[in-house]
Amino acid sequence: MERVGNMNRLLLGALLLRVTAQEMLAPPGQVRFESTDFKHILHWAAPTNSSCLQYHVQYKIYGELDWLNVSNCQGIQRHHCDLSAATSDVREWYYARVRVSCAATGSKSAWAMSRRFSPRWDTKVSPPSVRLNSSKQGLVVQVKASRVLMRKVHNGVDNNIYVVHPGGKEEVYEVASGSKLTLTELKPRTHYCVQAQTVIPRHMRSSDRSTAKCITTD
């Protein structure tokens, strides 16, 4: 009987150690979305007890009860997960959460949740690239939105082009992304600067202006 009692105490002690190990597994920190041009990446920081850890990511639509696994972010060791496909509906708001597990002990952490995320309002739109070419026919300005943005939005991306004259006077032109603007009424041998801005009218979003590019006309 005493041997059985000792065995039960050992089993109980092992169980308590297992539970304690599970409780001591800290969750990840700084869970947050970082989104540019509708590419939505969830990031997090490793907990202090970071040995033998794997990460598991879930998301849900705001107002829904069920959390859904992100299939390609289960049992991963990296500290980020691409949720662009899962959170692609710009009309919705989303949450994401992450927890860690340790296969060696079978322990898991509590879930760590992100703030509420809106694909429409929380993504940062990047400014377009700008190319200038001066010829006798005029100053040719070509602007292109980022490839990532064009893959996500497809059509409906416009650009504002800002032409800054000597003395600071500014003119604004609107063109579709990928189009060329030829400015024919500029003074010869004069220094002009150009900036551009990406505009997505249907999402009511726009970028900051691009870095100014300057050129002296022929």
N, C-alpha and C. Protein backbone atom coordinates (compact mmCIF):
# COMPACT_ATOMS: atom_id res chain seq x y z
N MET A 1 0.83 -1.21 0.00
CA MET A 1 0.00 0.00 0.00
C MET A 1 0.87 1.26 0.00
N GLU A 2 1.94 1.24 0.81
CA GLU A 2 2.83 2.39 0.88
C GLU A 2 3.50 2.64 -0.46
N ARG A 3 3.87 1.52 -1.17
CA ARG A 3 4.51 1.67 -2.48
C ARG A 3 3.54 2.32 -3.47
N VAL A 4 2.27 1.90 -3.40
CA VAL A 4 1.27 2.49 -4.28
C VAL A 4 1.10 3.98 -3.98
N GLY A 5 1.10 4.31 -2.69
CA GLY A 5 0.98 5.71 -2.30
C GLY A 5 2.15 6.54 -2.81
N ASN A 6 3.35 5.99 -2.71
CA ASN A 6 4.53 6.70 -3.22
C ASN A 6 4.44 6.91 -4.73
N MET A 7 3.96 5.87 -5.42
CA MET A 7 3.82 5.96 -6.87
C MET A 7 2.81 7.05 -7.25
N ASN A 8 1.71 7.10 -6.52
CA ASN A 8 0.70 8.13 -6.80
C ASN A 8 1.26 9.53 -6.57
N ARG A 9 2.07 9.66 -5.50
CA ARG A 9 2.66 10.97 -5.23
C ARG A 9 3.64 11.38 -6.32
N LEU A 10 4.39 10.40 -6.84
CA LEU A 10 5.32 10.69 -7.93
C LEU A 10 4.58 11.12 -9.20
N LEU A 11 3.49 10.41 -9.49
CA LEU A 11 2.69 10.75 -10.66
C LEU A 11 2.07 12.14 -10.52
N LEU A 12 1.57 12.42 -9.30
CA LEU A 12 0.99 13.73 -9.05
C LEU A 12 2.05 14.82 -9.18
N GLY A 13 3.27 14.55 -8.68
CA GLY A 13 4.35 15.52 -8.78
C GLY A 13 4.71 15.79 -10.23
N ALA A 14 4.77 14.72 -11.04
CA ALA A 14 5.09 14.89 -12.46
C ALA A 14 4.02 15.71 -13.17
N LEU A 15 2.75 15.45 -12.80
CA LEU A 15 1.66 16.21 -13.41
C LEU A 15 1.74 17.68 -13.03
N LEU A 16 2.05 17.95 -11.77
CA LEU A 16 2.17 19.34 -11.32
C LEU A 16 3.32 20.05 -12.03
N LEU A 17 4.44 19.31 -12.23
CA LEU A 17 5.56 19.90 -12.94
C LEU A 17 5.18 20.23 -14.38
N ARG A 18 4.39 19.35 -15.00
CA ARG A 18 3.95 19.59 -16.38
C ARG A 18 3.05 20.82 -16.46
N VAL A 19 2.10 20.90 -15.53
CA VAL A 19 1.20 22.05 -15.49
C VAL A 19 1.97 23.34 -15.24
N THR A 20 2.96 23.25 -14.29
CA THR A 20 3.77 24.43 -13.99
C THR A 20 4.55 24.88 -15.22
N ALA A 21 5.09 23.89 -15.97
CA ALA A 21 5.84 24.22 -17.19
C ALA A 21 4.94 24.92 -18.19
N GLN A 22 3.69 24.43 -18.31
CA GLN A 22 2.76 25.06 -19.22
C GLN A 22 2.46 26.49 -18.79
N GLU A 23 2.27 26.68 -17.49
CA GLU A 23 1.94 28.01 -16.99
C GLU A 23 3.12 28.97 -17.14
N MET A 24 4.34 28.46 -17.11
CA MET A 24 5.52 29.31 -17.18
C MET A 24 5.86 29.72 -18.61
N LEU A 25 5.23 29.10 -19.60
CA LEU A 25 5.53 29.42 -20.99
C LEU A 25 4.88 30.77 -21.33
N ALA A 26 5.70 31.78 -21.48
CA ALA A 26 5.19 33.14 -21.70
C ALA A 26 4.69 33.29 -23.13
N PRO A 27 3.67 34.11 -23.33
CA PRO A 27 3.17 34.35 -24.69
C PRO A 27 4.09 35.30 -25.45
N PRO A 28 3.98 35.36 -26.77
CA PRO A 28 4.75 36.34 -27.53
C PRO A 28 4.27 37.76 -27.21
N GLY A 29 5.11 38.72 -27.51
CA GLY A 29 4.76 40.12 -27.24
C GLY A 29 4.68 40.94 -28.51
N GLN A 30 4.16 42.16 -28.38
CA GLN A 30 4.12 43.15 -29.47
C GLN A 30 3.47 42.59 -30.74
N VAL A 31 2.34 41.93 -30.57
CA VAL A 31 1.63 41.37 -31.73
C VAL A 31 0.96 42.52 -32.47
N ARG A 32 1.30 42.68 -33.74
CA ARG A 32 0.84 43.84 -34.49
C ARG A 32 0.84 43.57 -35.98
N PHE A 33 -0.06 44.25 -36.68
CA PHE A 33 -0.07 44.23 -38.13
C PHE A 33 0.83 45.35 -38.65
N GLU A 34 1.60 45.04 -39.69
CA GLU A 34 2.32 46.05 -40.46
C GLU A 34 1.92 45.86 -41.92
N SER A 35 1.29 46.86 -42.48
CA SER A 35 0.68 46.71 -43.80
C SER A 35 1.10 47.83 -44.73
N THR A 36 1.60 47.45 -45.91
CA THR A 36 1.96 48.41 -46.95
C THR A 36 1.38 47.92 -48.27
N ASP A 37 0.65 48.79 -48.96
CA ASP A 37 0.07 48.48 -50.26
C ASP A 37 -0.79 47.21 -50.22
N PHE A 38 -1.56 47.07 -49.14
CA PHE A 38 -2.49 45.96 -48.94
C PHE A 38 -1.79 44.61 -48.80
N LYS A 39 -0.54 44.63 -48.47
CA LYS A 39 0.17 43.40 -48.08
C LYS A 39 0.26 43.44 -46.55
N HIS A 40 -0.48 42.54 -45.89
CA HIS A 40 -0.68 42.61 -44.45
C HIS A 40 0.16 41.53 -43.74
N ILE A 41 1.17 41.96 -43.01
CA ILE A 41 2.05 41.03 -42.31
C ILE A 41 1.86 41.19 -40.80
N LEU A 42 1.60 40.08 -40.13
CA LEU A 42 1.52 40.08 -38.67
C LEU A 42 2.91 39.83 -38.11
N HIS A 43 3.33 40.65 -37.16
CA HIS A 43 4.64 40.52 -36.52
C HIS A 43 4.45 40.33 -35.02
N TRP A 44 5.44 39.71 -34.39
CA TRP A 44 5.44 39.57 -32.93
C TRP A 44 6.87 39.40 -32.45
N ALA A 45 7.04 39.57 -31.16
CA ALA A 45 8.36 39.41 -30.53
C ALA A 45 8.38 38.10 -29.76
N ALA A 46 9.55 37.46 -29.76
CA ALA A 46 9.69 36.19 -29.05
C ALA A 46 9.63 36.42 -27.55
N PRO A 47 9.01 35.50 -26.80
CA PRO A 47 9.04 35.62 -25.34
C PRO A 47 10.44 35.36 -24.81
N THR A 48 10.65 35.65 -23.54
CA THR A 48 11.98 35.50 -22.96
C THR A 48 12.44 34.05 -22.93
N ASN A 49 11.52 33.12 -22.65
CA ASN A 49 11.89 31.69 -22.62
C ASN A 49 11.73 31.14 -24.04
N SER A 50 12.67 31.52 -24.91
CA SER A 50 12.47 31.31 -26.34
C SER A 50 13.08 30.02 -26.89
N SER A 51 13.50 29.10 -26.06
CA SER A 51 14.04 27.85 -26.56
C SER A 51 12.90 26.89 -26.91
N CYS A 52 13.11 26.10 -27.95
CA CYS A 52 12.21 25.03 -28.43
C CYS A 52 10.81 25.54 -28.78
N LEU A 53 10.68 26.80 -29.17
CA LEU A 53 9.35 27.37 -29.38
C LEU A 53 8.92 27.30 -30.84
N GLN A 54 7.62 27.05 -30.99
CA GLN A 54 6.96 27.15 -32.28
C GLN A 54 5.75 28.07 -32.12
N TYR A 55 5.38 28.73 -33.22
CA TYR A 55 4.30 29.72 -33.15
C TYR A 55 3.08 29.24 -33.95
N HIS A 56 1.92 29.62 -33.44
CA HIS A 56 0.66 29.25 -34.07
C HIS A 56 -0.20 30.51 -34.19
N VAL A 57 -0.72 30.76 -35.40
CA VAL A 57 -1.43 32.00 -35.68
C VAL A 57 -2.88 31.71 -36.06
N GLN A 58 -3.79 32.51 -35.51
CA GLN A 58 -5.20 32.47 -35.87
C GLN A 58 -5.69 33.89 -36.14
N TYR A 59 -6.81 33.97 -36.85
CA TYR A 59 -7.42 35.28 -37.11
C TYR A 59 -8.94 35.13 -37.06
N LYS A 60 -9.62 36.25 -36.94
CA LYS A 60 -11.08 36.24 -37.05
C LYS A 60 -11.55 37.61 -37.52
N ILE A 61 -12.74 37.61 -38.10
CA ILE A 61 -13.39 38.85 -38.50
C ILE A 61 -14.04 39.47 -37.26
N TYR A 62 -13.93 40.78 -37.15
CA TYR A 62 -14.54 41.49 -36.03
C TYR A 62 -16.04 41.20 -35.99
N GLY A 63 -16.52 40.78 -34.83
CA GLY A 63 -17.93 40.45 -34.67
C GLY A 63 -18.22 38.97 -34.77
N GLU A 64 -17.32 38.19 -35.36
CA GLU A 64 -17.47 36.73 -35.43
C GLU A 64 -16.95 36.08 -34.16
N LEU A 65 -17.47 34.89 -33.85
CA LEU A 65 -17.04 34.19 -32.65
C LEU A 65 -15.85 33.27 -32.91
N ASP A 66 -15.80 32.68 -34.09
CA ASP A 66 -14.83 31.62 -34.36
C ASP A 66 -13.48 32.18 -34.81
N TRP A 67 -12.43 31.65 -34.20
CA TRP A 67 -11.07 31.91 -34.64
C TRP A 67 -10.69 30.86 -35.66
N LEU A 68 -9.97 31.26 -36.72
CA LEU A 68 -9.57 30.36 -37.79
C LEU A 68 -8.06 30.26 -37.85
N ASN A 69 -7.56 29.04 -38.05
CA ASN A 69 -6.12 28.84 -38.20
C ASN A 69 -5.63 29.45 -39.51
N VAL A 70 -4.47 30.05 -39.48
CA VAL A 70 -3.78 30.45 -40.71
C VAL A 70 -2.92 29.25 -41.10
N SER A 71 -3.31 28.56 -42.17
CA SER A 71 -2.77 27.23 -42.45
C SER A 71 -1.25 27.21 -42.61
N ASN A 72 -0.68 28.25 -43.20
CA ASN A 72 0.77 28.25 -43.42
C ASN A 72 1.54 28.87 -42.27
N CYS A 73 0.86 29.11 -41.14
CA CYS A 73 1.53 29.70 -39.98
C CYS A 73 1.20 28.89 -38.72
N GLN A 74 1.31 27.58 -38.83
CA GLN A 74 1.11 26.69 -37.69
C GLN A 74 2.42 25.94 -37.42
N GLY A 75 2.92 26.03 -36.20
CA GLY A 75 4.17 25.36 -35.85
C GLY A 75 5.38 25.97 -36.53
N ILE A 76 5.35 27.28 -36.76
CA ILE A 76 6.47 27.95 -37.44
C ILE A 76 7.45 28.50 -36.41
N GLN A 77 8.65 28.81 -36.86
CA GLN A 77 9.67 29.37 -35.97
C GLN A 77 9.98 30.83 -36.28
N ARG A 78 9.53 31.34 -37.41
CA ARG A 78 9.75 32.76 -37.73
C ARG A 78 8.79 33.62 -36.91
N HIS A 79 9.07 34.90 -36.88
CA HIS A 79 8.30 35.82 -36.05
C HIS A 79 7.38 36.72 -36.88
N HIS A 80 6.87 36.20 -37.97
CA HIS A 80 5.94 36.96 -38.80
C HIS A 80 5.09 35.99 -39.62
N CYS A 81 3.96 36.49 -40.08
CA CYS A 81 3.03 35.66 -40.84
C CYS A 81 2.28 36.56 -41.82
N ASP A 82 2.22 36.16 -43.08
CA ASP A 82 1.52 36.92 -44.10
C ASP A 82 0.02 36.58 -44.06
N LEU A 83 -0.78 37.57 -43.67
CA LEU A 83 -2.23 37.38 -43.59
C LEU A 83 -2.96 38.13 -44.71
N SER A 84 -2.26 38.43 -45.79
CA SER A 84 -2.87 39.22 -46.87
C SER A 84 -4.10 38.53 -47.43
N ALA A 85 -4.02 37.23 -47.68
CA ALA A 85 -5.16 36.51 -48.25
C ALA A 85 -6.30 36.39 -47.25
N ALA A 86 -5.96 36.12 -46.01
CA ALA A 86 -6.99 35.91 -44.98
C ALA A 86 -7.72 37.21 -44.64
N THR A 87 -7.06 38.34 -44.81
CA THR A 87 -7.64 39.63 -44.42
C THR A 87 -7.80 40.55 -45.63
N SER A 88 -8.26 40.00 -46.74
CA SER A 88 -8.28 40.73 -48.00
C SER A 88 -9.53 41.60 -48.20
N ASP A 89 -10.58 41.36 -47.44
CA ASP A 89 -11.82 42.12 -47.62
C ASP A 89 -11.68 43.49 -46.95
N VAL A 90 -11.58 44.53 -47.76
CA VAL A 90 -11.32 45.87 -47.21
C VAL A 90 -12.52 46.41 -46.43
N ARG A 91 -13.68 45.77 -46.55
CA ARG A 91 -14.87 46.23 -45.82
C ARG A 91 -14.88 45.74 -44.38
N GLU A 92 -14.05 44.76 -44.07
CA GLU A 92 -14.07 44.12 -42.76
C GLU A 92 -12.97 44.67 -41.85
N TRP A 93 -13.14 44.38 -40.56
CA TRP A 93 -12.10 44.60 -39.55
C TRP A 93 -11.70 43.23 -39.01
N TYR A 94 -10.44 43.09 -38.62
CA TYR A 94 -9.92 41.78 -38.23
C TYR A 94 -9.14 41.86 -36.91
N TYR A 95 -9.05 40.71 -36.28
CA TYR A 95 -8.11 40.49 -35.19
C TYR A 95 -7.22 39.30 -35.57
N ALA A 96 -6.03 39.27 -35.01
CA ALA A 96 -5.16 38.09 -35.13
C ALA A 96 -4.58 37.80 -33.75
N ARG A 97 -4.20 36.55 -33.53
CA ARG A 97 -3.58 36.19 -32.26
C ARG A 97 -2.52 35.12 -32.49
N VAL A 98 -1.58 35.06 -31.57
CA VAL A 98 -0.44 34.15 -31.67
C VAL A 98 -0.20 33.51 -30.32
N ARG A 99 0.16 32.25 -30.33
CA ARG A 99 0.64 31.62 -29.10
C ARG A 99 1.85 30.76 -29.45
N VAL A 100 2.58 30.37 -28.40
CA VAL A 100 3.76 29.54 -28.61
C VAL A 100 3.54 28.18 -27.99
N SER A 101 4.25 27.21 -28.50
CA SER A 101 4.23 25.87 -27.92
C SER A 101 5.64 25.31 -27.93
N CYS A 102 5.86 24.33 -27.10
CA CYS A 102 7.16 23.65 -27.03
C CYS A 102 6.91 22.17 -27.18
N ALA A 103 7.37 21.60 -28.29
CA ALA A 103 7.13 20.19 -28.56
C ALA A 103 7.79 19.29 -27.53
N ALA A 104 8.91 19.72 -26.99
CA ALA A 104 9.65 18.87 -26.04
C ALA A 104 8.86 18.65 -24.75
N THR A 105 8.10 19.64 -24.33
CA THR A 105 7.34 19.52 -23.08
C THR A 105 5.84 19.42 -23.29
N GLY A 106 5.39 19.71 -24.52
CA GLY A 106 3.97 19.71 -24.78
C GLY A 106 3.25 20.92 -24.22
N SER A 107 3.98 21.91 -23.77
CA SER A 107 3.39 23.08 -23.13
C SER A 107 3.02 24.13 -24.17
N LYS A 108 2.08 24.99 -23.78
CA LYS A 108 1.61 26.07 -24.64
C LYS A 108 1.46 27.34 -23.82
N SER A 109 1.49 28.46 -24.51
CA SER A 109 1.28 29.74 -23.83
C SER A 109 -0.18 30.16 -24.00
N ALA A 110 -0.54 31.22 -23.32
CA ALA A 110 -1.81 31.87 -23.60
C ALA A 110 -1.71 32.58 -24.95
N TRP A 111 -2.86 32.93 -25.50
CA TRP A 111 -2.87 33.66 -26.76
C TRP A 111 -2.53 35.14 -26.52
N ALA A 112 -1.80 35.73 -27.45
CA ALA A 112 -1.52 37.17 -27.44
C ALA A 112 -2.19 37.76 -28.68
N MET A 113 -3.02 38.77 -28.49
CA MET A 113 -3.87 39.27 -29.56
C MET A 113 -3.41 40.63 -30.07
N SER A 114 -3.65 40.85 -31.35
CA SER A 114 -3.36 42.14 -31.97
C SER A 114 -4.48 43.13 -31.68
N ARG A 115 -4.23 44.38 -32.01
CA ARG A 115 -5.30 45.37 -32.03
C ARG A 115 -6.17 45.12 -33.26
N ARG A 116 -7.36 45.70 -33.26
CA ARG A 116 -8.25 45.56 -34.40
C ARG A 116 -7.61 46.20 -35.63
N PHE A 117 -7.74 45.52 -36.77
CA PHE A 117 -7.03 45.92 -37.98
C PHE A 117 -8.00 46.09 -39.14
N SER A 118 -7.86 47.20 -39.85
CA SER A 118 -8.65 47.46 -41.05
C SER A 118 -7.73 47.48 -42.27
N PRO A 119 -7.95 46.59 -43.25
CA PRO A 119 -7.13 46.63 -44.46
C PRO A 119 -7.22 47.97 -45.19
N ARG A 120 -8.39 48.57 -45.19
CA ARG A 120 -8.55 49.84 -45.91
C ARG A 120 -7.82 50.99 -45.22
N TRP A 121 -8.03 51.13 -43.93
CA TRP A 121 -7.57 52.33 -43.23
C TRP A 121 -6.18 52.18 -42.61
N ASP A 122 -5.75 50.95 -42.37
CA ASP A 122 -4.47 50.76 -41.67
C ASP A 122 -3.31 50.45 -42.60
N THR A 123 -3.58 50.17 -43.87
CA THR A 123 -2.46 49.94 -44.77
C THR A 123 -1.83 51.26 -45.16
N LYS A 124 -0.54 51.25 -45.36
CA LYS A 124 0.19 52.43 -45.80
C LYS A 124 0.39 52.33 -47.31
N VAL A 125 -0.04 53.35 -48.03
CA VAL A 125 0.12 53.38 -49.48
C VAL A 125 1.46 54.02 -49.82
N SER A 126 2.26 53.33 -50.60
CA SER A 126 3.59 53.85 -50.92
C SER A 126 3.52 54.79 -52.12
N PRO A 127 4.38 55.81 -52.16
CA PRO A 127 4.39 56.72 -53.32
C PRO A 127 4.92 56.02 -54.56
N PRO A 128 4.59 56.54 -55.74
CA PRO A 128 5.05 55.90 -56.98
C PRO A 128 6.50 56.25 -57.28
N SER A 129 7.07 55.49 -58.19
CA SER A 129 8.39 55.84 -58.71
C SER A 129 8.21 56.90 -59.80
N VAL A 130 9.22 57.73 -59.98
CA VAL A 130 9.15 58.84 -60.95
C VAL A 130 10.38 58.80 -61.85
N ARG A 131 10.16 58.94 -63.15
CA ARG A 131 11.26 59.06 -64.11
C ARG A 131 11.07 60.32 -64.93
N LEU A 132 12.15 61.06 -65.12
CA LEU A 132 12.11 62.30 -65.89
C LEU A 132 13.02 62.19 -67.10
N ASN A 133 12.55 62.78 -68.20
CA ASN A 133 13.38 62.83 -69.41
C ASN A 133 13.11 64.15 -70.12
N SER A 134 14.15 64.95 -70.30
CA SER A 134 14.00 66.24 -70.96
C SER A 134 14.46 66.15 -72.41
N SER A 135 13.63 66.68 -73.30
CA SER A 135 13.97 66.70 -74.72
C SER A 135 13.48 68.02 -75.31
N LYS A 136 13.71 68.22 -76.63
CA LYS A 136 13.24 69.44 -77.28
C LYS A 136 11.72 69.50 -77.32
N GLN A 137 11.07 68.34 -77.25
CA GLN A 137 9.61 68.31 -77.26
C GLN A 137 9.00 68.70 -75.91
N GLY A 138 9.80 68.60 -74.85
CA GLY A 138 9.30 68.95 -73.53
C GLY A 138 9.85 68.03 -72.46
N LEU A 139 9.30 68.15 -71.28
CA LEU A 139 9.71 67.31 -70.15
C LEU A 139 8.72 66.15 -70.02
N VAL A 140 9.25 64.93 -70.14
CA VAL A 140 8.40 63.73 -70.05
C VAL A 140 8.51 63.17 -68.64
N VAL A 141 7.34 63.02 -67.99
CA VAL A 141 7.27 62.48 -66.63
C VAL A 141 6.53 61.15 -66.70
N GLN A 142 7.16 60.09 -66.18
CA GLN A 142 6.51 58.78 -66.11
C GLN A 142 6.44 58.32 -64.66
N VAL A 143 5.27 57.90 -64.23
CA VAL A 143 5.09 57.45 -62.84
C VAL A 143 4.52 56.03 -62.84
N LYS A 144 4.95 55.25 -61.86
CA LYS A 144 4.45 53.89 -61.71
C LYS A 144 4.22 53.60 -60.24
N ALA A 145 3.03 53.09 -59.93
CA ALA A 145 2.76 52.62 -58.57
C ALA A 145 3.54 51.34 -58.31
N SER A 146 3.70 50.98 -57.05
CA SER A 146 4.47 49.78 -56.72
C SER A 146 3.80 48.53 -57.30
N ARG A 147 4.61 47.56 -57.63
CA ARG A 147 4.09 46.31 -58.20
C ARG A 147 3.17 45.59 -57.20
N VAL A 148 3.55 45.65 -55.93
CA VAL A 148 2.72 45.00 -54.90
C VAL A 148 1.33 45.61 -54.89
N LEU A 149 1.26 46.94 -54.94
CA LEU A 149 -0.04 47.62 -54.94
C LEU A 149 -0.85 47.27 -56.18
N MET A 150 -0.22 47.25 -57.34
CA MET A 150 -0.95 46.95 -58.58
C MET A 150 -1.46 45.53 -58.60
N ARG A 151 -0.72 44.60 -58.00
CA ARG A 151 -1.22 43.22 -57.91
C ARG A 151 -2.43 43.12 -57.00
N LYS A 152 -2.47 43.95 -55.96
CA LYS A 152 -3.57 43.88 -54.99
C LYS A 152 -4.81 44.63 -55.48
N VAL A 153 -4.59 45.79 -56.10
CA VAL A 153 -5.72 46.65 -56.46
C VAL A 153 -6.10 46.51 -57.93
N HIS A 154 -5.13 46.12 -58.77
CA HIS A 154 -5.33 45.96 -60.22
C HIS A 154 -5.61 47.33 -60.86
N ASN A 155 -6.86 47.64 -61.10
CA ASN A 155 -7.20 48.92 -61.73
C ASN A 155 -7.59 49.94 -60.67
N GLY A 156 -7.78 51.16 -61.11
CA GLY A 156 -8.27 52.18 -60.19
C GLY A 156 -7.19 52.88 -59.40
N VAL A 157 -5.93 52.83 -59.88
CA VAL A 157 -4.84 53.55 -59.22
C VAL A 157 -4.47 54.76 -60.08
N ASP A 158 -4.58 55.94 -59.50
CA ASP A 158 -4.20 57.18 -60.19
C ASP A 158 -2.97 57.78 -59.53
N ASN A 159 -2.44 58.80 -60.20
CA ASN A 159 -1.29 59.51 -59.63
C ASN A 159 -1.48 61.01 -59.80
N ASN A 160 -1.17 61.75 -58.77
CA ASN A 160 -1.05 63.19 -58.87
C ASN A 160 0.41 63.54 -59.09
N ILE A 161 0.67 64.37 -60.08
CA ILE A 161 2.03 64.81 -60.38
C ILE A 161 2.14 66.29 -60.04
N TYR A 162 3.12 66.62 -59.21
CA TYR A 162 3.33 68.00 -58.78
C TYR A 162 4.60 68.54 -59.45
N VAL A 163 4.43 69.56 -60.24
CA VAL A 163 5.57 70.19 -60.93
C VAL A 163 5.86 71.52 -60.23
N VAL A 164 7.06 71.64 -59.69
CA VAL A 164 7.45 72.83 -58.93
C VAL A 164 8.34 73.71 -59.82
N HIS A 165 7.88 74.93 -60.08
CA HIS A 165 8.61 75.88 -60.91
C HIS A 165 9.63 76.65 -60.06
N PRO A 166 10.60 77.28 -60.70
CA PRO A 166 11.50 78.19 -59.95
C PRO A 166 10.67 79.25 -59.23
N GLY A 167 11.01 79.50 -58.01
CA GLY A 167 10.24 80.45 -57.22
C GLY A 167 9.16 79.81 -56.37
N GLY A 168 8.90 78.48 -56.61
CA GLY A 168 7.97 77.76 -55.74
C GLY A 168 6.58 77.56 -56.28
N LYS A 169 6.23 78.16 -57.41
CA LYS A 169 4.91 77.93 -58.00
C LYS A 169 4.74 76.45 -58.32
N GLU A 170 3.54 75.92 -58.08
CA GLU A 170 3.31 74.49 -58.22
C GLU A 170 2.10 74.23 -59.11
N GLU A 171 2.24 73.27 -60.02
CA GLU A 171 1.12 72.81 -60.85
C GLU A 171 0.86 71.33 -60.55
N VAL A 172 -0.41 70.94 -60.62
CA VAL A 172 -0.79 69.56 -60.31
C VAL A 172 -1.49 68.95 -61.52
N TYR A 173 -1.07 67.74 -61.87
CA TYR A 173 -1.69 66.99 -62.97
C TYR A 173 -2.10 65.61 -62.46
N GLU A 174 -3.18 65.09 -63.01
CA GLU A 174 -3.65 63.76 -62.61
C GLU A 174 -3.54 62.82 -63.80
N VAL A 175 -2.87 61.69 -63.60
CA VAL A 175 -2.70 60.69 -64.66
C VAL A 175 -2.90 59.30 -64.08
N ALA A 176 -3.23 58.35 -64.94
CA ALA A 176 -3.33 56.95 -64.51
C ALA A 176 -1.94 56.38 -64.30
N SER A 177 -1.84 55.42 -63.39
CA SER A 177 -0.54 54.83 -63.10
C SER A 177 0.03 54.16 -64.35
N GLY A 178 1.31 54.38 -64.60
CA GLY A 178 1.96 53.82 -65.77
C GLY A 178 1.92 54.74 -66.99
N SER A 179 1.16 55.83 -66.90
CA SER A 179 1.03 56.76 -68.02
C SER A 179 2.20 57.75 -68.03
N LYS A 180 2.33 58.42 -69.16
CA LYS A 180 3.35 59.45 -69.31
C LYS A 180 2.67 60.82 -69.42
N LEU A 181 3.29 61.80 -68.85
CA LEU A 181 2.84 63.18 -68.96
C LEU A 181 3.95 63.98 -69.63
N THR A 182 3.61 64.64 -70.74
CA THR A 182 4.59 65.47 -71.44
C THR A 182 4.25 66.94 -71.21
N LEU A 183 5.19 67.65 -70.62
CA LEU A 183 5.01 69.07 -70.33
C LEU A 183 5.74 69.86 -71.41
N THR A 184 4.97 70.58 -72.22
CA THR A 184 5.55 71.23 -73.40
C THR A 184 5.74 72.74 -73.23
N GLU A 185 5.18 73.32 -72.21
CA GLU A 185 5.23 74.79 -72.07
C GLU A 185 6.16 75.21 -70.94
N LEU A 186 7.29 74.53 -70.83
CA LEU A 186 8.28 74.89 -69.81
C LEU A 186 9.40 75.73 -70.46
N LYS A 187 9.99 76.56 -69.65
CA LYS A 187 11.07 77.41 -70.14
C LYS A 187 12.34 76.58 -70.38
N PRO A 188 13.10 76.86 -71.41
CA PRO A 188 14.36 76.13 -71.64
C PRO A 188 15.41 76.51 -70.60
N ARG A 189 16.34 75.55 -70.39
CA ARG A 189 17.47 75.75 -69.48
C ARG A 189 17.01 76.28 -68.10
N THR A 190 15.91 75.65 -67.63
CA THR A 190 15.32 76.06 -66.36
C THR A 190 15.18 74.83 -65.46
N HIS A 191 15.40 75.05 -64.18
CA HIS A 191 15.40 73.95 -63.20
C HIS A 191 13.99 73.73 -62.67
N TYR A 192 13.48 72.51 -62.84
CA TYR A 192 12.16 72.12 -62.34
C TYR A 192 12.30 70.88 -61.45
N CYS A 193 11.40 70.78 -60.49
CA CYS A 193 11.35 69.60 -59.63
C CYS A 193 9.96 68.96 -59.72
N VAL A 194 9.93 67.63 -59.59
CA VAL A 194 8.68 66.88 -59.75
C VAL A 194 8.52 65.91 -58.58
N GLN A 195 7.31 65.85 -58.05
CA GLN A 195 6.93 64.83 -57.07
C GLN A 195 5.66 64.16 -57.54
N ALA A 196 5.39 62.97 -57.01
CA ALA A 196 4.17 62.25 -57.39
C ALA A 196 3.54 61.60 -56.16
N GLN A 197 2.26 61.34 -56.27
CA GLN A 197 1.48 60.78 -55.17
C GLN A 197 0.55 59.72 -55.72
N THR A 198 0.50 58.57 -55.08
CA THR A 198 -0.44 57.52 -55.45
C THR A 198 -1.81 57.81 -54.85
N VAL A 199 -2.86 57.65 -55.66
CA VAL A 199 -4.23 57.89 -55.21
C VAL A 199 -5.09 56.69 -55.59
N ILE A 200 -5.86 56.18 -54.62
CA ILE A 200 -6.79 55.08 -54.88
C ILE A 200 -8.20 55.59 -54.56
N PRO A 201 -8.89 56.15 -55.54
CA PRO A 201 -10.16 56.82 -55.27
C PRO A 201 -11.21 55.93 -54.61
N ARG A 202 -11.35 54.70 -55.07
CA ARG A 202 -12.44 53.87 -54.54
C ARG A 202 -12.21 53.48 -53.08
N HIS A 203 -10.96 53.52 -52.61
CA HIS A 203 -10.67 53.23 -51.21
C HIS A 203 -10.43 54.51 -50.41
N MET A 204 -10.51 55.65 -51.10
CA MET A 204 -10.30 56.95 -50.44
C MET A 204 -8.97 56.99 -49.70
N ARG A 205 -7.93 56.49 -50.38
CA ARG A 205 -6.60 56.45 -49.79
C ARG A 205 -5.60 57.09 -50.72
N SER A 206 -4.53 57.62 -50.14
CA SER A 206 -3.46 58.21 -50.94
C SER A 206 -2.15 58.07 -50.18
N SER A 207 -1.07 58.19 -50.91
CA SER A 207 0.27 58.08 -50.31
C SER A 207 0.79 59.46 -49.96
N ASP A 208 1.93 59.48 -49.29
CA ASP A 208 2.71 60.72 -49.19
C ASP A 208 3.28 61.03 -50.57
N ARG A 209 3.78 62.21 -50.73
CA ARG A 209 4.47 62.53 -51.98
C ARG A 209 5.81 61.80 -52.05
N SER A 210 6.22 61.51 -53.25
CA SER A 210 7.53 60.90 -53.46
C SER A 210 8.63 61.94 -53.22
N THR A 211 9.85 61.46 -53.07
CA THR A 211 11.00 62.36 -52.98
C THR A 211 11.10 63.16 -54.27
N ALA A 212 11.39 64.42 -54.16
CA ALA A 212 11.46 65.29 -55.34
C ALA A 212 12.60 64.87 -56.27
N LYS A 213 12.29 64.85 -57.57
CA LYS A 213 13.32 64.65 -58.59
C LYS A 213 13.39 65.92 -59.42
N CYS A 214 14.60 66.38 -59.67
CA CYS A 214 14.77 67.67 -60.33
C CYS A 214 15.59 67.51 -61.62
N ILE A 215 15.32 68.40 -62.55
CA ILE A 215 15.99 68.33 -63.83
C ILE A 215 16.04 69.73 -64.43
N THR A 216 17.05 69.99 -65.26
CA THR A 216 17.13 71.25 -65.99
C THR A 216 16.75 70.99 -67.44
N THR A 217 15.79 71.74 -67.93
CA THR A 217 15.29 71.52 -69.29
C THR A 217 16.35 71.89 -70.32
N ASP A 218 16.20 71.32 -71.52
CA ASP A 218 17.15 71.58 -72.62
C ASP A 218 16.96 72.99 -73.16
